[in-house]
């Protein structure tokens, strides 16, 4: 997926209220954070936290802030999920049977109807992320193995070999 197309889909998901909320939220996690549909369907409402009116989640070792206006959509999805929960599991995308989450196929179908193909969208997001941060940071933030993050960095054309030296020079 070309970068311009990815950005256009991000804007559409943020702004087009005619698109189902679950499709909007899952598509944004796919296009912005490179999360696979298989991981997205397993998100729990309890992995999100509000601190000083900012929404955070943990995809890997470190917490990441959900940017505005995406944070509003995620908060709305959390509220909807909590109101429509059947069973004890606090899934962000609850399934139709008690205690289950939505299937990856069901979530992907809504995205495909918009023209967003999950594999190519995730690849585009990962290339962008890997090109804009060191592999180790990508690994810690997104929960990927170091080797996986390094392969994405190589594919993006950015090796970040100078990152440790740059970090050491950073003012305290």
C-alpha atoms as a PDB file:
ATOM      1  CA  UNK A   1       0.000   0.000   0.000  1.00  0.00           C
ATOM      2  CA  UNK A   2       1.508   3.347  -0.990  1.00  0.00           C
ATOM      3  CA  UNK A   3       2.087   5.810   1.870  1.00  0.00           C
ATOM      4  CA  UNK A   4      -0.310   8.412   0.445  1.00  0.00           C
ATOM      5  CA  UNK A   5      -3.090   5.825   0.262  1.00  0.00           C
ATOM      6  CA  UNK A   6      -2.395   4.726   3.839  1.00  0.00           C
ATOM      7  CA  UNK A   7      -2.643   8.312   5.049  1.00  0.00           C
ATOM      8  CA  UNK A   8      -5.906   8.833   3.135  1.00  0.00           C
ATOM      9  CA  UNK A   9      -7.402   5.762   4.802  1.00  0.00           C
ATOM     10  CA  UNK A  10      -6.285   7.042   8.217  1.00  0.00           C
ATOM     11  CA  UNK A  11      -8.044  10.375   7.630  1.00  0.00           C
ATOM     12  CA  UNK A  12     -11.177   8.590   6.383  1.00  0.00           C
ATOM     13  CA  UNK A  13     -11.292   6.313   9.436  1.00  0.00           C
ATOM     14  CA  UNK A  14     -10.851   9.294  11.751  1.00  0.00           C
ATOM     15  CA  UNK A  15     -13.522  11.431  10.093  1.00  0.00           C
ATOM     16  CA  UNK A  16     -16.168   9.248   8.393  1.00  0.00           C
ATOM     17  CA  UNK A  17     -18.877   8.597  10.972  1.00  0.00           C
ATOM     18  CA  UNK A  18     -20.814   6.397   8.530  1.00  0.00           C
ATOM     19  CA  UNK A  19     -18.186   3.652   9.029  1.00  0.00           C
ATOM     20  CA  UNK A  20     -18.836   1.226  11.889  1.00  0.00           C
ATOM     21  CA  UNK A  21     -16.935   2.214  15.030  1.00  0.00           C
ATOM     22  CA  UNK A  22     -15.247  -1.194  15.389  1.00  0.00           C
ATOM     23  CA  UNK A  23     -14.004  -0.948  11.794  1.00  0.00           C
ATOM     24  CA  UNK A  24     -12.683   2.558  12.381  1.00  0.00           C
ATOM     25  CA  UNK A  25     -10.847   1.675  15.596  1.00  0.00           C
ATOM     26  CA  UNK A  26      -9.402  -1.607  14.327  1.00  0.00           C
ATOM     27  CA  UNK A  27      -8.345   0.023  11.063  1.00  0.00           C
ATOM     28  CA  UNK A  28      -6.496   2.749  12.938  1.00  0.00           C
ATOM     29  CA  UNK A  29      -4.602   0.217  15.070  1.00  0.00           C
ATOM     30  CA  UNK A  30      -3.703  -1.557  11.841  1.00  0.00           C
ATOM     31  CA  UNK A  31      -2.693   1.537   9.831  1.00  0.00           C
ATOM     32  CA  UNK A  32      -1.008   3.549  12.607  1.00  0.00           C
ATOM     33  CA  UNK A  33       0.496   0.919  14.889  1.00  0.00           C
ATOM     34  CA  UNK A  34       1.021  -2.001  12.475  1.00  0.00           C
ATOM     35  CA  UNK A  35      -0.977  -4.380  14.657  1.00  0.00           C
ATOM     36  CA  UNK A  36      -2.259  -7.527  12.972  1.00  0.00           C
ATOM     37  CA  UNK A  37      -5.983  -8.208  12.894  1.00  0.00           C
ATOM     38  CA  UNK A  38      -5.296 -11.361  14.928  1.00  0.00           C
ATOM     39  CA  UNK A  39      -3.825  -9.234  17.728  1.00  0.00           C
ATOM     40  CA  UNK A  40      -6.396  -6.451  17.459  1.00  0.00           C
ATOM     41  CA  UNK A  41      -9.376  -8.748  18.055  1.00  0.00           C
ATOM     42  CA  UNK A  42      -7.762  -9.860  21.334  1.00  0.00           C
ATOM     43  CA  UNK A  43      -7.439  -6.353  22.790  1.00  0.00           C
ATOM     44  CA  UNK A  44      -9.131  -6.004  26.176  1.00  0.00           C
ATOM     45  CA  UNK A  45     -10.686  -2.821  27.462  1.00  0.00           C
ATOM     46  CA  UNK A  46      -8.587  -3.249  30.606  1.00  0.00           C
ATOM     47  CA  UNK A  47      -5.331  -2.687  28.679  1.00  0.00           C
ATOM     48  CA  UNK A  48      -6.253   0.976  28.179  1.00  0.00           C
ATOM     49  CA  UNK A  49      -5.772   3.607  30.849  1.00  0.00           C
ATOM     50  CA  UNK A  50      -6.570   7.294  31.178  1.00  0.00           C
ATOM     51  CA  UNK A  51      -3.892   9.465  32.755  1.00  0.00           C
ATOM     52  CA  UNK A  52      -4.316  13.234  32.825  1.00  0.00           C
ATOM     53  CA  UNK A  53      -6.953  13.065  30.067  1.00  0.00           C
ATOM     54  CA  UNK A  54      -4.607  11.102  27.794  1.00  0.00           C
ATOM     55  CA  UNK A  55      -5.346   7.536  26.742  1.00  0.00           C
ATOM     56  CA  UNK A  56      -2.583   4.923  26.908  1.00  0.00           C
ATOM     57  CA  UNK A  57      -2.303   1.267  26.028  1.00  0.00           C
ATOM     58  CA  UNK A  58       0.379  -1.355  26.176  1.00  0.00           C
ATOM     59  CA  UNK A  59       1.135  -3.244  22.970  1.00  0.00           C
ATOM     60  CA  UNK A  60       4.618  -4.300  24.075  1.00  0.00           C
ATOM     61  CA  UNK A  61       6.807  -3.594  27.116  1.00  0.00           C
ATOM     62  CA  UNK A  62       6.203   0.140  27.152  1.00  0.00           C
ATOM     63  CA  UNK A  63       2.954   2.105  27.245  1.00  0.00           C
ATOM     64  CA  UNK A  64       2.094   4.219  24.242  1.00  0.00           C
ATOM     65  CA  UNK A  65      -0.227   7.196  24.067  1.00  0.00           C
ATOM     66  CA  UNK A  66      -3.182   6.948  21.717  1.00  0.00           C
ATOM     67  CA  UNK A  67      -3.120  10.207  19.739  1.00  0.00           C
ATOM     68  CA  UNK A  68      -6.047  12.552  19.383  1.00  0.00           C
ATOM     69  CA  UNK A  69      -8.583  12.252  17.745  1.00  0.00           C
ATOM     70  CA  UNK A  70      -8.129   8.460  17.737  1.00  0.00           C
ATOM     71  CA  UNK A  71      -8.327   8.469  21.538  1.00  0.00           C
ATOM     72  CA  UNK A  72     -11.944   9.650  21.390  1.00  0.00           C
ATOM     73  CA  UNK A  73     -12.877   6.775  19.064  1.00  0.00           C
ATOM     74  CA  UNK A  74     -11.143   4.224  21.299  1.00  0.00           C
ATOM     75  CA  UNK A  75     -12.872   5.595  24.416  1.00  0.00           C
ATOM     76  CA  UNK A  76     -16.221   5.336  22.618  1.00  0.00           C
ATOM     77  CA  UNK A  77     -15.447   1.738  21.596  1.00  0.00           C
ATOM     78  CA  UNK A  78     -14.501   0.904  25.197  1.00  0.00           C
ATOM     79  CA  UNK A  79     -17.809   2.341  26.458  1.00  0.00           C
ATOM     80  CA  UNK A  80     -19.766   0.451  23.803  1.00  0.00           C
ATOM     81  CA  UNK A  81     -17.926  -2.787  24.586  1.00  0.00           C
ATOM     82  CA  UNK A  82     -18.534  -2.451  28.309  1.00  0.00           C
ATOM     83  CA  UNK A  83     -22.248  -1.863  27.709  1.00  0.00           C
ATOM     84  CA  UNK A  84     -22.590  -4.807  25.296  1.00  0.00           C
ATOM     85  CA  UNK A  85     -20.372  -7.314  27.053  1.00  0.00           C
ATOM     86  CA  UNK A  86     -21.772 -10.805  27.397  1.00  0.00           C
ATOM     87  CA  UNK A  87     -19.680 -12.756  29.859  1.00  0.00           C
ATOM     88  CA  UNK A  88     -16.729 -11.833  32.017  1.00  0.00           C
ATOM     89  CA  UNK A  89     -14.075 -11.118  29.369  1.00  0.00           C
ATOM     90  CA  UNK A  90     -13.619  -7.371  28.751  1.00  0.00           C
ATOM     91  CA  UNK A  91     -12.934  -7.637  24.999  1.00  0.00           C
ATOM     92  CA  UNK A  92     -12.609  -4.356  23.099  1.00  0.00           C
ATOM     93  CA  UNK A  93     -14.376  -6.106  20.218  1.00  0.00           C
ATOM     94  CA  UNK A  94     -16.797  -8.541  21.884  1.00  0.00           C
ATOM     95  CA  UNK A  95     -18.036 -11.495  19.895  1.00  0.00           C
ATOM     96  CA  UNK A  96     -21.550 -12.780  19.510  1.00  0.00           C
ATOM     97  CA  UNK A  97     -21.145 -15.679  21.932  1.00  0.00           C
ATOM     98  CA  UNK A  98     -20.666 -15.041  25.641  1.00  0.00           C
ATOM     99  CA  UNK A  99     -17.042 -14.513  26.627  1.00  0.00           C
ATOM    100  CA  UNK A 100     -15.670 -14.477  23.081  1.00  0.00           C
ATOM    101  CA  UNK A 101     -14.100 -11.730  21.012  1.00  0.00           C
ATOM    102  CA  UNK A 102     -14.975 -10.923  17.438  1.00  0.00           C
ATOM    103  CA  UNK A 103     -13.207 -13.128  14.921  1.00  0.00           C
ATOM    104  CA  UNK A 104     -10.345 -11.796  12.858  1.00  0.00           C
ATOM    105  CA  UNK A 105     -12.301 -12.575   9.685  1.00  0.00           C
ATOM    106  CA  UNK A 106     -15.306 -10.545  10.862  1.00  0.00           C
ATOM    107  CA  UNK A 107     -13.124  -7.559  11.716  1.00  0.00           C
ATOM    108  CA  UNK A 108     -11.142  -7.815   8.477  1.00  0.00           C
ATOM    109  CA  UNK A 109     -14.321  -7.987   6.400  1.00  0.00           C
ATOM    110  CA  UNK A 110     -15.347  -4.470   7.394  1.00  0.00           C
ATOM    111  CA  UNK A 111     -11.916  -3.158   6.413  1.00  0.00           C
ATOM    112  CA  UNK A 112     -11.927  -5.009   3.093  1.00  0.00           C
ATOM    113  CA  UNK A 113     -15.291  -3.435   2.207  1.00  0.00           C
ATOM    114  CA  UNK A 114     -13.528  -0.062   2.479  1.00  0.00           C
ATOM    115  CA  UNK A 115     -10.679  -1.252   0.250  1.00  0.00           C
ATOM    116  CA  UNK A 116      -8.239  -1.751   3.132  1.00  0.00           C
ATOM    117  CA  UNK A 117      -6.453  -5.070   2.746  1.00  0.00           C
ATOM    118  CA  UNK A 118      -5.083  -5.950   6.194  1.00  0.00           C
ATOM    119  CA  UNK A 119      -1.798  -7.531   5.118  1.00  0.00           C
ATOM    120  CA  UNK A 120      -0.709  -4.723   2.807  1.00  0.00           C
ATOM    121  CA  UNK A 121      -1.965  -2.078   5.270  1.00  0.00           C
ATOM    122  CA  UNK A 122      -0.007  -3.640   8.131  1.00  0.00           C
ATOM    123  CA  UNK A 123       3.120  -3.933   5.985  1.00  0.00           C
ATOM    124  CA  UNK A 124       2.879  -0.253   5.021  1.00  0.00           C
ATOM    125  CA  UNK A 125       2.469   0.757   8.664  1.00  0.00           C
ATOM    126  CA  UNK A 126       5.385  -1.405   9.781  1.00  0.00           C
ATOM    127  CA  UNK A 127       7.672   0.027   7.102  1.00  0.00           C
ATOM    128  CA  UNK A 128       6.747   3.544   8.206  1.00  0.00           C
ATOM    129  CA  UNK A 129       7.271   2.756  11.894  1.00  0.00           C
ATOM    130  CA  UNK A 130      10.567   0.936  11.271  1.00  0.00           C
ATOM    131  CA  UNK A 131      11.804   3.830   9.168  1.00  0.00           C
ATOM    132  CA  UNK A 132      11.044   6.320  11.928  1.00  0.00           C
ATOM    133  CA  UNK A 133      12.374   4.623  15.048  1.00  0.00           C
ATOM    134  CA  UNK A 134      15.154   2.255  16.020  1.00  0.00           C
ATOM    135  CA  UNK A 135      14.351  -1.467  15.917  1.00  0.00           C
ATOM    136  CA  UNK A 136      14.789  -1.810  19.682  1.00  0.00           C
ATOM    137  CA  UNK A 137      12.266   0.960  20.333  1.00  0.00           C
ATOM    138  CA  UNK A 138       9.870  -0.593  17.817  1.00  0.00           C
ATOM    139  CA  UNK A 139      10.280  -3.933  19.553  1.00  0.00           C
ATOM    140  CA  UNK A 140       9.585  -2.478  23.010  1.00  0.00           C
ATOM    141  CA  UNK A 141       6.597  -0.381  21.929  1.00  0.00           C
ATOM    142  CA  UNK A 142       4.863  -2.874  19.662  1.00  0.00           C
ATOM    143  CA  UNK A 143       5.720  -6.143  21.361  1.00  0.00           C
ATOM    144  CA  UNK A 144       7.716  -7.682  18.525  1.00  0.00           C
ATOM    145  CA  UNK A 145      10.823  -9.798  18.889  1.00  0.00           C
ATOM    146  CA  UNK A 146      14.050  -7.855  18.353  1.00  0.00           C
ATOM    147  CA  UNK A 147      14.831  -9.895  15.237  1.00  0.00           C
ATOM    148  CA  UNK A 148      11.431  -9.114  13.735  1.00  0.00           C
ATOM    149  CA  UNK A 149      11.844  -5.409  14.409  1.00  0.00           C
ATOM    150  CA  UNK A 150      15.345  -5.496  12.911  1.00  0.00           C
ATOM    151  CA  UNK A 151      14.039  -7.168   9.731  1.00  0.00           C
ATOM    152  CA  UNK A 152      11.428  -4.421   9.388  1.00  0.00           C
ATOM    153  CA  UNK A 153      14.162  -1.808   9.881  1.00  0.00           C
ATOM    154  CA  UNK A 154      16.236  -3.426   7.138  1.00  0.00           C
ATOM    155  CA  UNK A 155      13.211  -3.546   4.819  1.00  0.00           C
ATOM    156  CA  UNK A 156      12.568   0.151   5.464  1.00  0.00           C
ATOM    157  CA  UNK A 157      16.138   1.014   4.532  1.00  0.00           C
ATOM    158  CA  UNK A 158      16.947   2.450   7.968  1.00  0.00           C
ATOM    159  CA  UNK A 159      19.378   0.569  10.188  1.00  0.00           C
ATOM    160  CA  UNK A 160      19.580   3.065  13.066  1.00  0.00           C
ATOM    161  CA  UNK A 161      23.126   1.914  13.761  1.00  0.00           C
ATOM    162  CA  UNK A 162      23.917   5.334  15.219  1.00  0.00           C
ATOM    163  CA  UNK A 163      20.967   5.321  17.638  1.00  0.00           C
ATOM    164  CA  UNK A 164      22.934   4.342  20.792  1.00  0.00           C
ATOM    165  CA  UNK A 165      25.427   7.158  20.170  1.00  0.00           C
ATOM    166  CA  UNK A 166      22.621   9.646  19.496  1.00  0.00           C
ATOM    167  CA  UNK A 167      20.836   8.619  22.675  1.00  0.00           C
ATOM    168  CA  UNK A 168      24.038   9.007  24.715  1.00  0.00           C
ATOM    169  CA  UNK A 169      24.383  12.587  23.393  1.00  0.00           C
ATOM    170  CA  UNK A 170      20.811  13.486  24.382  1.00  0.00           C
ATOM    171  CA  UNK A 171      20.676  16.223  27.030  1.00  0.00           C
ATOM    172  CA  UNK A 172      19.291  15.145  30.408  1.00  0.00           C
END
